[in-house]
Protein backbone atom coordinates (compact mmCIF):
# COMPACT_ATOMS: atom_id res chain seq x y z
CA MET A 1 0.00 0.00 0.00
CA GLY A 2 2.89 2.34 0.68
CA LYS A 3 3.91 2.19 -2.98
CA VAL A 4 0.46 3.48 -4.01
CA PHE A 5 0.94 6.65 -1.99
CA HIS A 6 4.62 6.98 -2.93
CA ASP A 7 3.72 6.88 -6.63
CA LEU A 8 0.78 9.24 -6.16
CA ILE A 9 2.94 11.85 -4.44
CA ASP A 10 5.61 11.34 -7.09
CA THR A 11 3.02 12.04 -9.80
CA LEU A 12 1.82 15.18 -8.02
CA LEU A 13 5.38 16.45 -7.63
CA SER A 14 6.35 15.75 -11.24
CA GLU A 15 3.16 16.86 -13.01
CA ARG A 16 2.52 20.01 -10.99
CA GLU A 17 5.40 22.43 -10.92
CA HIS A 18 3.51 24.63 -8.49
CA PHE A 19 0.23 24.86 -6.60
CA ASN A 20 -2.62 26.85 -8.10
CA ARG A 21 -3.59 28.04 -4.62
CA ILE A 22 -2.72 27.14 -1.05
CA TRP A 23 -5.37 27.56 1.62
CA PHE A 24 -4.66 27.72 5.35
CA ALA A 25 -7.22 26.78 7.99
CA GLY A 26 -7.52 28.91 11.14
CA ASP A 27 -8.54 28.56 14.78
CA GLN A 28 -9.74 32.04 15.83
CA VAL A 29 -13.42 31.60 14.90
CA THR A 30 -15.67 29.11 16.66
CA PRO A 31 -15.92 26.10 14.31
CA PRO A 32 -19.32 24.99 13.00
CA PRO A 33 -20.68 21.60 14.13
CA PHE A 34 -19.08 18.48 12.64
CA SER A 35 -15.90 20.27 11.67
CA TYR A 36 -12.64 18.35 11.55
CA GLN A 37 -10.39 19.62 14.35
CA VAL A 38 -7.50 17.62 15.75
CA ASN A 39 -4.30 18.37 17.66
CA PHE A 40 -1.92 17.47 14.82
CA PRO A 41 -1.25 19.07 11.41
CA ARG A 42 -2.95 17.86 8.24
CA LEU A 43 -2.37 18.46 4.54
CA GLU A 44 -5.14 17.87 1.98
CA LEU A 45 -4.39 17.74 -1.76
CA VAL A 46 -7.21 17.70 -4.31
CA ILE A 47 -6.47 15.13 -7.00
CA ASN A 48 -9.53 15.92 -9.10
CA GLY A 49 -12.96 17.53 -8.85
CA GLU A 50 -14.14 20.24 -6.44
CA TYR A 51 -13.53 19.89 -2.72
CA ILE A 52 -15.94 22.32 -1.03
CA ASN A 53 -15.09 23.39 2.53
CA GLU A 54 -16.09 25.87 5.16
CA LEU A 55 -12.99 27.67 6.41
CA GLU A 56 -12.16 30.56 8.67
CA ASP A 57 -11.63 33.86 6.88
CA PRO A 58 -9.89 36.77 8.67
CA GLU A 59 -12.42 39.28 7.30
CA LEU A 60 -15.60 37.26 6.69
CA GLY A 61 -15.53 34.94 9.69
CA ILE A 62 -16.65 31.64 8.17
CA THR A 63 -16.81 31.27 4.41
CA GLU A 64 -17.37 28.47 1.90
CA VAL A 65 -14.56 27.87 -0.58
CA LYS A 66 -14.05 25.60 -3.58
CA ILE A 67 -10.69 23.87 -3.41
CA MET A 68 -9.82 22.62 -6.88
CA ALA A 69 -7.42 20.13 -8.43
CA GLY A 70 -3.95 21.60 -8.11
CA ASP A 71 -4.85 23.35 -4.83
CA ALA A 72 -3.75 22.42 -1.32
CA LEU A 73 -5.27 22.93 2.11
CA TYR A 74 -2.99 23.01 5.16
CA ILE A 75 -4.61 22.68 8.58
CA PRO A 76 -2.33 23.51 11.55
CA PRO A 77 -2.87 21.75 14.91
CA ASN A 78 -6.26 22.53 16.47
CA SER A 79 -7.35 24.53 13.44
CA TRP A 80 -10.45 23.31 11.64
CA ASN A 81 -12.11 22.70 8.28
CA LYS A 82 -15.54 21.43 7.39
CA PRO A 83 -15.89 19.56 4.08
CA ASN A 84 -19.41 19.12 2.72
CA TRP A 85 -18.58 16.16 0.41
CA ASP A 86 -21.40 17.05 -1.98
CA THR A 87 -19.40 17.06 -5.22
CA ASP A 88 -17.32 14.68 -7.31
CA CYS A 89 -13.81 14.77 -5.90
CA SER A 90 -10.77 12.75 -4.87
CA VAL A 91 -8.63 14.00 -1.99
CA LEU A 92 -5.26 12.84 -0.70
CA SER A 93 -4.80 13.57 3.01
CA LEU A 94 -1.54 13.47 4.95
CA LEU A 95 -1.98 13.37 8.73
CA PHE A 96 1.06 14.17 10.85
CA GLY A 97 0.44 12.42 14.15
CA ARG A 98 2.93 12.53 16.98
CA ARG A 99 4.13 8.99 16.35
CA GLN A 100 2.64 8.16 12.98
CA LEU A 101 2.27 9.66 9.53
CA GLY A 102 -1.08 8.70 8.01
CA PHE A 103 -2.04 8.66 4.34
CA SER A 104 -5.63 8.59 3.13
CA LEU A 105 -7.03 8.68 -0.40
CA VAL A 106 -10.79 9.21 -0.51
CA SER A 107 -13.10 9.56 -3.51
CA LYS A 108 -16.67 10.80 -3.31
CA ALA A 109 -19.33 11.00 -6.00
CA LYS A 110 -21.99 13.69 -5.99
CA ASP A 111 -25.36 12.57 -4.56
CA GLN A 112 -23.86 9.34 -3.23
CA THR A 113 -24.03 8.81 0.51
CA ASN A 114 -20.94 6.65 0.91
CA PHE A 115 -17.33 7.17 -0.03
CA HIS A 116 -15.62 4.86 -2.48
CA ASP A 117 -12.02 4.02 -3.36
CA ILE A 118 -10.93 4.52 0.23
CA GLN A 119 -7.28 3.64 0.75
CA LYS A 120 -5.32 4.12 3.96
CA HIS A 121 -1.74 3.60 5.02
CA SER A 122 0.48 4.71 7.88
CA ILE A 123 4.16 4.64 8.78
CA GLN A 124 6.19 5.68 11.79
CA THR A 125 7.10 9.34 11.70
CA ARG A 126 10.60 10.64 12.29
CA THR A 127 11.04 12.81 15.33
CA GLY A 128 14.03 15.10 15.60
CA HIS A 129 14.31 15.32 11.82
CA ALA A 130 13.71 17.97 9.18
CA ILE A 131 10.01 17.18 8.94
CA ASP A 132 9.49 18.64 12.44
CA HIS A 133 10.97 21.95 11.34
CA ILE A 134 9.04 22.04 8.06
CA LEU A 135 5.76 21.58 9.96
CA SER A 136 6.74 24.18 12.57
CA ALA A 137 7.51 26.65 9.81
CA LEU A 138 4.14 26.01 8.13
CA ASN A 139 2.30 26.39 11.43
CA ALA A 140 4.02 29.73 12.04
CA LEU A 141 3.48 30.86 8.44
CA SER A 142 -0.26 30.20 8.72
CA LYS A 143 -0.48 33.10 11.21
CA GLU A 144 1.36 35.57 9.00
CA PRO A 145 -0.33 37.96 6.53
CA LEU A 146 2.17 37.22 3.73
CA GLN A 147 2.44 33.52 2.93
CA GLN A 148 3.59 33.41 -0.69
CA PRO A 149 5.95 32.12 -2.04
CA MET A 150 7.23 30.54 1.19
CA ASP A 151 4.10 28.41 1.55
CA GLU A 152 4.68 26.64 -1.76
CA HIS A 153 8.36 25.95 -1.07
CA LEU A 154 7.54 24.50 2.34
CA LEU A 155 4.67 22.33 1.08
CA LEU A 156 6.76 20.92 -1.76
CA ALA A 157 9.53 20.16 0.73
CA LEU A 158 6.99 18.49 3.04
CA MET A 159 5.63 16.31 0.23
CA SER A 160 9.13 15.34 -0.90
CA TYR A 161 10.09 14.41 2.65
CA CYS A 162 6.94 12.29 3.07
CA GLN A 163 7.73 10.54 -0.21
CA SER A 164 11.23 9.75 1.02
CA MET A 165 9.77 8.26 4.21
CA LEU A 166 7.56 6.00 2.09
CA SER A 167 10.65 4.78 0.23
CA VAL A 168 11.93 3.00 3.35
CA PRO A 169 10.93 -0.68 2.95
CA GLU A 170 8.54 -2.20 5.46
CA ASN A 171 10.13 -4.50 7.97
CA SER A 172 8.55 -7.25 9.99
CA THR A 173 4.96 -8.30 10.51
CA LYS A 174 5.26 -6.81 14.00
CA LYS A 175 6.17 -3.45 12.45
CA ARG A 176 3.20 -3.63 10.05
CA SER A 177 0.86 -4.41 12.95
CA GLU A 178 2.18 -1.43 14.88
CA ASP A 179 1.75 0.84 11.85
CA LEU A 180 -1.83 -0.39 11.41
CA TYR A 181 -2.56 0.22 15.08
CA GLN A 182 -1.15 3.75 14.95
CA GLY A 183 -3.04 4.44 11.71
CA ILE A 184 -6.29 3.44 13.40
CA CYS A 185 -5.46 5.69 16.35
CA ILE A 186 -5.01 8.62 13.95
CA TYR A 187 -8.33 7.78 12.29
CA ILE A 188 -10.11 7.79 15.66
CA GLN A 189 -8.50 11.10 16.61
CA GLU A 190 -9.71 12.59 13.33
CA ASN A 191 -13.25 11.17 13.49
CA PHE A 192 -14.02 11.24 17.23
CA HIS A 193 -17.04 13.47 16.59
CA ARG A 194 -18.69 10.86 14.38
CA ALA A 195 -20.65 7.72 15.29
CA ILE A 196 -17.64 5.43 14.96
CA SER A 197 -17.76 1.87 16.27
CA ARG A 198 -15.70 -1.30 16.22
CA ASP A 199 -17.53 -2.53 13.13
CA SER A 200 -17.27 0.76 11.19
CA ILE A 201 -13.56 1.13 11.97
CA ALA A 202 -12.87 -2.47 10.99
CA THR A 203 -14.69 -1.96 7.69
CA ARG A 204 -12.74 1.23 6.95
CA PHE A 205 -9.42 -0.60 7.45
CA ASN A 206 -10.51 -3.84 5.75
CA ILE A 207 -9.96 -6.03 8.80
CA SER A 208 -12.34 -8.09 10.92
CA PRO A 209 -13.79 -6.64 14.15
CA ASN A 210 -12.12 -9.42 16.13
CA HIS A 211 -8.76 -8.61 14.56
CA LEU A 212 -9.27 -4.94 15.48
CA SER A 213 -9.97 -5.78 19.12
CA ARG A 214 -7.00 -8.15 19.21
CA LEU A 215 -4.76 -5.46 17.72
CA PHE A 216 -5.63 -3.05 20.54
CA ARG A 217 -5.05 -5.74 23.15
CA GLN A 218 -1.61 -6.46 21.69
CA GLN A 219 -0.43 -2.96 20.76
CA GLY A 220 -2.33 -0.59 23.01
CA HIS A 221 -2.58 0.16 26.68
CA MET A 222 -6.38 0.10 26.67
CA ARG A 223 -9.30 -1.50 24.88
CA LEU A 224 -10.62 0.02 21.65
CA ALA A 225 -13.77 1.35 23.34
CA ASP A 226 -11.69 2.90 26.12
CA TYR A 227 -9.39 4.56 23.59
CA ILE A 228 -12.34 6.11 21.73
CA THR A 229 -13.70 7.41 25.05
CA TRP A 230 -10.28 8.77 26.04
CA VAL A 231 -9.94 10.69 22.75
CA ARG A 232 -13.45 12.13 23.13
CA ILE A 233 -12.91 13.21 26.73
CA GLU A 234 -9.58 14.86 25.85
CA ARG A 235 -11.27 16.82 23.05
CA ALA A 236 -14.13 17.73 25.39
CA LYS A 237 -11.58 19.16 27.84
CA PHE A 238 -10.05 21.18 25.00
CA MET A 239 -13.45 22.54 23.93
CA LEU A 240 -14.46 23.41 27.49
CA LYS A 241 -11.22 25.37 27.80
CA LYS A 242 -11.24 27.15 24.41
CA TYR A 243 -14.91 27.76 23.57
CA THR A 244 -18.11 28.88 25.26
CA PHE A 245 -20.20 26.01 23.92
CA ARG A 246 -23.12 24.88 26.02
CA LEU A 247 -22.44 21.54 27.65
CA HIS A 248 -24.86 19.60 25.44
CA GLU A 249 -23.08 21.02 22.39
CA VAL A 250 -19.69 19.93 23.72
CA ALA A 251 -21.13 16.44 24.16
CA THR A 252 -22.50 16.32 20.62
CA ARG A 253 -19.32 17.74 19.07
CA CYS A 254 -17.32 15.04 20.82
CA GLY A 255 -19.45 12.15 19.58
CA PHE A 256 -21.64 11.63 22.67
CA GLN A 257 -25.25 11.35 21.58
CA ASP A 258 -26.53 10.98 25.16
CA VAL A 259 -25.68 14.10 27.20
CA ASN A 260 -26.28 12.41 30.54
CA TYR A 261 -23.89 9.62 29.52
CA PHE A 262 -21.31 12.27 28.62
CA TYR A 263 -21.66 13.83 32.09
CA ARG A 264 -21.20 10.44 33.79
CA VAL A 265 -18.18 9.46 31.69
CA PHE A 266 -16.53 12.88 32.09
CA LYS A 267 -16.96 12.78 35.88
CA ASN A 268 -15.66 9.20 36.00
CA LYS A 269 -12.55 10.02 33.94
CA THR A 270 -11.66 13.44 35.40
CA GLY A 271 -13.21 13.46 38.87
CA LEU A 272 -15.11 16.64 37.92
CA THR A 273 -18.34 17.39 36.10
CA PRO A 274 -17.93 19.33 32.81
CA SER A 275 -19.16 22.48 34.59
CA GLU A 276 -16.72 22.01 37.46
CA TYR A 277 -13.88 21.40 35.02
CA ARG A 278 -14.65 24.60 33.10
CA SER A 279 -14.89 26.61 36.34
CA SER A 280 -11.53 25.29 37.50
CA LEU A 281 -9.68 26.66 34.46
């Protein structure tokens, strides 16, 4: 699977001498419901079609944009974007987790409910290397009023570095299992606000539900269900700290459909109710 993404990035680098436009997501405006907002950087590259998103605009607040083939969208940590997935498009996403670099290629047809041609792959990231500095520079650049032409140079360097990481051959079965586990962790961190379950995650990664549970027993420090809850509670703590959402909205935005259940779980995990936690900050 790594070769698929290596060749795709190679094609993008060789066929496109420059980006048509580079968009940066922000974090100063309260995000709309069901936005994607995680604590690690992401890069989204439109392969074809129109990728419509709601993004933060310094002057307009929240605006809808059409991100086209040849464009790129960079989302710094804890910034947000909200795709509407209502057009024909294919999007390559690179997700820069703390321990893992995730690759995702998703295609969506207009008026179709489900995605198709979903491919995912992940590899261990390199800490203490150039990629850390490239990402730091992009995160800083996203806050500056003048971003061109530095943004393009940095994104091309980032893509080239990711391609070089994909060139390293896979090692043992143990290594592949660890990469799969970390890739699933990234997926959960990105989709915590959705109704994800053991079965839906297993289907997305083309493994059996039993294999998924076994993977978390072998690789993780907690069960799959506990990990999903942990991610949701951590994001709830972030939202309680950063935004003035009502408590039921925090619950919904973090994937809890039952508000009372959210209160119980939050109190059990933190020792405080959501209101007490917010007051303590």
